[in-house]
Amino acid sequence: MLIILVYHKILNSADDSFTDPLQISVSEKRFNEHLSFINREFVLIDLEKGLNTKIVQSPTIYVAITFDDGYKYSLQLADSILYANKAKATAFICPIHCDNPEIFWWDRFADMYIKKYETENQRKKIWRLHQKLIRGRYDDAARKMTVLHPDISDTHRCDITSSWDDLSELSKEVFTFACHGLKHDWFPSMTANELERDLIAAKQMIIENGINAQSILAYPYGYRECVLMTHVSEVIASHFKWGMIAEPGLVVTKDIKNRYFIPRNHVGNWSGENLVNRIHKIANPFISKSQQ
């Protein structure tokens, strides 16, 4: 059986006292701990190799590591840790941001959330804005957040995306790459023609920059509703072999048949023991069924 984990940011933090309202950061120390525990309890495997019927049907728990959004310093930190743990990872990138490395709008939002909003009511109100911005075009969200919060702190200013040169310097023994959309737009906000144009452009940019990418698409924001609309699912199926959602779950045989709803499990800044327990909790019902 296969469990896919999704990370975003690895922080070069001496402790775990950082504040992350989006809960997408893991400290360098924790990430190393995660890999040590996974190596001890399970079998680490490359994502593409893991999406194999024999692996999925096996009683052995295989774990694949993925990263979203292509954060420069996070991938650089992860590179050496993965290498030391003899692990591979797939990084899902948005090619337009590799051409022009920048700060994502949601990191600007997180910085604003921490600095400007203190009461629970204030934070609930501004969080509604975050959910609204997700369900639209990336450029519109970026423009709005630049106006609302132009002065970003040094902490989030470091959270820039990788350039093509940055990606080329990562260990080829560790990282493979795949597509996360062209810009990180909300797919249902696009017409079929717009989506097709963007996915073709994304794949072309990856090829032109010498990146040997897997035929896998991780949907921006990861929601299942991204691909429930017919025009979205048809376009994706014509360009990619696999599609990934960001929902808890185990990859089972039926997922192999339904290739565009492959679950990936978000990872928080948990202890290694906590992560292992969560993986067992996901896998145990399937292990029990197979033993009946």
Protein backbone atom coordinates (compact mmCIF):
# COMPACT_ATOMS: atom_id res chain seq x y z
CA MET A 1 0.00 0.00 0.00
CA LEU A 2 1.10 3.57 -0.64
CA ILE A 3 0.78 6.72 1.46
CA ILE A 4 1.82 10.01 -0.14
CA LEU A 5 2.96 12.86 2.12
CA VAL A 6 2.92 16.50 1.05
CA TYR A 7 5.24 19.14 2.50
CA HIS A 8 5.50 22.81 1.59
CA LYS A 9 8.11 24.65 3.65
CA ILE A 10 11.11 23.40 5.58
CA LEU A 11 12.33 26.09 7.97
CA ASN A 12 15.89 26.52 9.14
CA SER A 13 14.65 27.00 12.68
CA ALA A 14 16.56 26.19 15.85
CA ASP A 15 13.27 25.36 17.60
CA ASP A 16 9.57 24.86 16.89
CA SER A 17 8.41 28.22 18.21
CA PHE A 18 7.63 29.78 14.81
CA THR A 19 4.12 31.01 13.98
CA ASP A 20 2.48 29.73 10.81
CA PRO A 21 -1.25 30.47 10.46
CA LEU A 22 -1.38 28.42 7.24
CA GLN A 23 0.22 25.42 8.98
CA ILE A 24 2.38 24.53 5.98
CA SER A 25 5.80 24.76 7.68
CA VAL A 26 7.95 22.05 9.23
CA SER A 27 11.23 22.73 10.99
CA GLU A 28 14.46 21.28 9.60
CA LYS A 29 14.82 19.28 12.82
CA ARG A 30 11.32 17.80 12.52
CA PHE A 31 11.74 16.93 8.85
CA ASN A 32 14.91 14.99 9.59
CA GLU A 33 13.08 13.27 12.44
CA HIS A 34 10.19 12.38 10.12
CA LEU A 35 12.49 10.67 7.64
CA SER A 36 14.31 8.76 10.38
CA PHE A 37 11.03 7.42 11.77
CA ILE A 38 9.64 6.60 8.32
CA ASN A 39 12.82 4.71 7.42
CA ARG A 40 12.53 2.75 10.63
CA GLU A 41 8.83 1.83 10.26
CA PHE A 42 8.05 1.84 6.53
CA VAL A 43 9.64 1.78 3.07
CA LEU A 44 10.39 5.07 1.32
CA ILE A 45 9.73 5.02 -2.41
CA ASP A 46 9.78 7.40 -5.37
CA LEU A 47 6.28 8.69 -6.15
CA GLU A 48 6.07 7.44 -9.72
CA LYS A 49 7.35 3.98 -8.76
CA GLY A 50 4.85 3.89 -5.92
CA LEU A 51 1.92 4.42 -8.29
CA ASN A 52 2.11 0.83 -9.35
CA THR A 53 -0.57 -1.81 -8.86
CA LYS A 54 1.88 -4.25 -7.23
CA ILE A 55 3.01 -1.62 -4.69
CA VAL A 56 -0.56 -0.52 -3.95
CA GLN A 57 -1.73 -4.12 -3.42
CA SER A 58 1.26 -5.00 -1.23
CA PRO A 59 0.68 -5.36 2.55
CA THR A 60 3.90 -3.38 3.05
CA ILE A 61 3.39 0.32 3.80
CA TYR A 62 5.30 2.40 1.26
CA VAL A 63 5.69 6.16 1.75
CA ALA A 64 6.32 8.73 -0.99
CA ILE A 65 7.52 12.27 -0.20
CA THR A 66 6.29 15.28 -2.18
CA PHE A 67 6.75 19.05 -1.97
CA ASP A 68 4.39 21.71 -3.28
CA ASP A 69 5.07 25.21 -4.65
CA GLY A 70 8.84 24.97 -5.19
CA TYR A 71 10.07 27.14 -2.31
CA LYS A 72 13.74 27.84 -2.94
CA TYR A 73 15.25 27.57 0.52
CA SER A 74 12.93 24.76 1.59
CA LEU A 75 13.99 22.54 -1.31
CA GLN A 76 17.65 23.37 -0.68
CA LEU A 77 17.34 22.41 2.99
CA ALA A 78 15.35 19.29 2.17
CA ASP A 79 17.86 18.21 -0.50
CA SER A 80 20.68 17.39 1.93
CA ILE A 81 18.34 15.85 4.51
CA LEU A 82 16.70 13.60 1.94
CA TYR A 83 20.09 12.58 0.55
CA ALA A 84 21.38 11.69 4.03
CA ASN A 85 18.30 9.53 4.59
CA LYS A 86 18.57 7.88 1.15
CA ALA A 87 15.16 9.25 0.24
CA LYS A 88 13.69 10.63 -2.98
CA ALA A 89 11.05 13.32 -3.40
CA THR A 90 8.87 14.85 -6.10
CA ALA A 91 8.60 18.64 -6.17
CA PHE A 92 5.48 20.07 -7.78
CA ILE A 93 6.28 23.41 -9.39
CA CYS A 94 4.41 26.28 -11.08
CA PRO A 95 6.64 27.10 -14.08
CA ILE A 96 5.63 30.76 -14.37
CA HIS A 97 7.10 31.40 -10.92
CA CYS A 98 10.37 29.71 -11.88
CA ASP A 99 10.72 32.29 -14.65
CA ASN A 100 10.14 35.12 -12.16
CA PRO A 101 10.78 34.00 -8.57
CA GLU A 102 8.44 35.81 -6.19
CA ILE A 103 6.62 35.70 -2.87
CA PHE A 104 3.32 33.83 -3.12
CA TRP A 105 0.20 35.82 -2.23
CA TRP A 106 -0.67 33.47 0.64
CA ASP A 107 2.70 34.10 2.30
CA ARG A 108 1.98 37.83 2.14
CA PHE A 109 -1.42 37.03 3.66
CA ALA A 110 0.19 34.98 6.47
CA ASP A 111 2.56 37.83 7.28
CA MET A 112 -0.36 40.30 7.39
CA TYR A 113 -2.41 37.89 9.52
CA ILE A 114 0.37 37.67 12.13
CA LYS A 115 1.29 41.35 12.20
CA LYS A 116 -2.07 43.12 11.91
CA TYR A 117 -4.79 40.90 13.33
CA GLU A 118 -4.78 39.92 17.00
CA THR A 119 -8.34 39.21 18.16
CA GLU A 120 -10.26 36.07 17.24
CA ASN A 121 -13.01 38.08 15.52
CA GLN A 122 -10.49 39.98 13.41
CA ARG A 123 -8.79 36.77 12.36
CA LYS A 124 -12.06 35.03 11.48
CA LYS A 125 -13.00 37.96 9.27
CA ILE A 126 -9.67 38.12 7.44
CA TRP A 127 -9.62 34.34 7.06
CA ARG A 128 -12.78 34.62 4.96
CA LEU A 129 -10.75 36.79 2.58
CA HIS A 130 -8.13 34.03 2.33
CA GLN A 131 -10.80 31.48 1.33
CA LYS A 132 -12.24 33.89 -1.22
CA LEU A 133 -8.84 34.57 -2.80
CA ILE A 134 -8.18 30.85 -3.19
CA ARG A 135 -11.21 30.44 -5.43
CA GLY A 136 -10.05 32.80 -8.14
CA ARG A 137 -7.14 33.76 -10.36
CA TYR A 138 -3.65 33.85 -8.92
CA ASP A 139 -2.82 37.25 -10.46
CA ASP A 140 -5.92 38.87 -8.95
CA ALA A 141 -5.09 37.52 -5.48
CA ALA A 142 -1.46 38.63 -5.79
CA ARG A 143 -2.44 42.18 -6.77
CA LYS A 144 -4.93 42.46 -3.93
CA MET A 145 -2.48 41.22 -1.32
CA THR A 146 0.28 43.54 -2.57
CA VAL A 147 -2.09 46.48 -2.02
CA LEU A 148 -3.31 45.25 1.36
CA HIS A 149 0.12 44.34 2.70
CA PRO A 150 3.00 45.87 0.68
CA ASP A 151 5.60 45.72 3.49
CA ILE A 152 6.33 42.08 4.16
CA SER A 153 8.62 40.97 7.00
CA ASP A 154 12.06 39.47 6.38
CA THR A 155 10.78 36.09 7.56
CA HIS A 156 8.33 35.79 4.70
CA ARG A 157 10.48 37.76 2.28
CA CYS A 158 12.79 34.72 2.24
CA ASP A 159 9.95 32.48 1.06
CA ILE A 160 10.60 33.01 -2.63
CA THR A 161 10.04 30.44 -5.34
CA SER A 162 12.89 28.54 -7.00
CA SER A 163 14.32 29.69 -10.31
CA TRP A 164 15.15 27.17 -13.03
CA ASP A 165 18.82 27.47 -12.05
CA ASP A 166 17.92 26.73 -8.43
CA LEU A 167 16.07 23.58 -9.47
CA SER A 168 18.95 22.42 -11.66
CA GLU A 169 21.32 22.61 -8.67
CA LEU A 170 19.27 20.17 -6.57
CA SER A 171 20.51 16.58 -6.36
CA LYS A 172 19.29 14.52 -9.29
CA GLU A 173 19.54 11.47 -7.03
CA VAL A 174 16.95 13.07 -4.76
CA PHE A 175 14.50 15.25 -6.66
CA THR A 176 12.22 14.69 -9.59
CA PHE A 177 9.66 17.27 -10.66
CA ALA A 178 6.04 17.49 -11.74
CA CYS A 179 3.44 20.14 -12.53
CA HIS A 180 1.39 22.18 -10.05
CA GLY A 181 -0.37 24.27 -12.69
CA LEU A 182 1.12 27.19 -14.61
CA LYS A 183 0.51 29.90 -12.00
CA HIS A 184 -1.43 28.18 -9.20
CA ASP A 185 -4.85 29.30 -10.44
CA TRP A 186 -8.10 27.83 -9.15
CA PHE A 187 -9.00 25.50 -12.02
CA PRO A 188 -12.81 25.82 -11.77
CA SER A 189 -12.45 29.59 -12.39
CA MET A 190 -11.03 28.85 -15.86
CA THR A 191 -12.70 27.87 -19.10
CA ALA A 192 -11.67 24.63 -20.81
CA ASN A 193 -9.68 26.61 -23.40
CA GLU A 194 -7.90 28.67 -20.75
CA LEU A 195 -7.01 25.60 -18.73
CA GLU A 196 -5.79 23.70 -21.79
CA ARG A 197 -3.63 26.64 -22.85
CA ASP A 198 -2.08 26.97 -19.40
CA LEU A 199 -1.35 23.26 -18.97
CA ILE A 200 0.26 23.04 -22.41
CA ALA A 201 2.35 26.13 -21.59
CA ALA A 202 3.37 24.68 -18.22
CA LYS A 203 4.53 21.39 -19.73
CA GLN A 204 6.39 23.22 -22.52
CA MET A 205 8.21 25.50 -20.08
CA ILE A 206 9.31 22.52 -18.01
CA ILE A 207 10.67 20.75 -21.10
CA GLU A 208 12.42 23.87 -22.44
CA ASN A 209 14.24 24.31 -19.15
CA GLY A 210 15.66 20.81 -19.19
CA ILE A 211 13.50 19.42 -16.41
CA ASN A 212 12.59 15.76 -16.79
CA ALA A 213 9.13 15.88 -15.25
CA GLN A 214 6.79 13.07 -14.26
CA SER A 215 3.37 13.01 -15.93
CA ILE A 216 1.62 13.91 -12.69
CA LEU A 217 -0.44 16.99 -11.84
CA ALA A 218 -1.01 18.16 -8.26
CA TYR A 219 -4.05 20.42 -8.29
CA PRO A 220 -3.43 23.94 -6.96
CA TYR A 221 -4.94 24.15 -3.44
CA GLY A 222 -5.66 20.43 -3.69
CA TYR A 223 -9.43 20.44 -3.27
CA ARG A 224 -11.43 17.58 -4.75
CA GLU A 225 -13.91 20.06 -6.21
CA CYS A 226 -11.13 21.25 -8.55
CA VAL A 227 -11.70 18.23 -10.77
CA LEU A 228 -15.37 17.48 -10.26
CA MET A 229 -16.31 19.85 -13.07
CA THR A 230 -16.42 18.02 -16.40
CA HIS A 231 -14.48 20.59 -18.42
CA VAL A 232 -11.64 20.50 -15.88
CA SER A 233 -11.40 16.71 -15.60
CA GLU A 234 -11.45 16.19 -19.37
CA VAL A 235 -8.62 18.67 -19.99
CA ILE A 236 -6.46 17.22 -17.22
CA ALA A 237 -6.99 13.65 -18.46
CA SER A 238 -5.79 14.63 -21.92
CA HIS A 239 -2.42 15.89 -20.61
CA PHE A 240 -1.49 13.95 -17.46
CA LYS A 241 -1.36 10.34 -16.36
CA TRP A 242 -2.14 11.07 -12.71
CA GLY A 243 -3.92 13.78 -10.72
CA MET A 244 -3.37 14.50 -7.02
CA ILE A 245 -5.77 15.92 -4.45
CA ALA A 246 -4.71 17.08 -0.98
CA GLU A 247 -6.94 14.91 1.20
CA PRO A 248 -6.07 12.30 3.83
CA GLY A 249 -6.03 8.79 2.51
CA LEU A 250 -4.22 5.72 1.32
CA VAL A 251 -3.68 4.93 -2.35
CA VAL A 252 -5.61 1.72 -2.96
CA THR A 253 -6.42 -0.28 -6.08
CA LYS A 254 -9.56 1.71 -6.89
CA ASP A 255 -7.43 4.90 -6.90
CA ILE A 256 -5.16 3.38 -9.53
CA LYS A 257 -8.24 2.92 -11.68
CA ASN A 258 -9.47 6.43 -10.89
CA ARG A 259 -6.16 8.13 -11.57
CA TYR A 260 -7.24 11.72 -11.02
CA PHE A 261 -8.22 11.57 -7.36
CA ILE A 262 -4.99 10.26 -5.82
CA PRO A 263 -4.92 11.34 -2.14
CA ARG A 264 -1.94 13.10 -0.59
CA ASN A 265 -1.64 13.67 3.15
CA HIS A 266 -0.67 17.08 4.51
CA VAL A 267 2.18 16.98 7.05
CA GLY A 268 2.43 19.39 9.97
CA ASN A 269 5.26 20.22 12.34
CA TRP A 270 4.66 17.05 14.32
CA SER A 271 7.06 14.74 16.10
CA GLY A 272 8.30 11.71 14.18
CA GLU A 273 6.34 9.44 16.49
CA ASN A 274 3.16 11.44 15.88
CA LEU A 275 3.63 11.18 12.10
CA VAL A 276 4.15 7.41 12.27
CA ASN A 277 1.02 7.02 14.40
CA ARG A 278 -0.99 9.04 11.86
CA ILE A 279 0.25 6.85 9.01
CA HIS A 280 -0.69 3.70 10.92
CA LYS A 281 -4.13 5.16 11.63
CA ILE A 282 -4.69 5.66 7.89
CA ALA A 283 -3.30 2.25 6.92
CA ASN A 284 -4.71 0.01 9.68
CA PRO A 285 -8.30 -0.27 8.36
CA PHE A 286 -6.95 -1.52 5.02
CA ILE A 287 -4.54 -3.92 6.73
CA SER A 288 -7.44 -5.34 8.79
CA LYS A 289 -9.55 -5.86 5.66
CA SER A 290 -6.74 -7.64 3.83
CA GLN A 291 -6.27 -10.03 6.77
CA GLN A 292 -9.93 -11.03 6.90
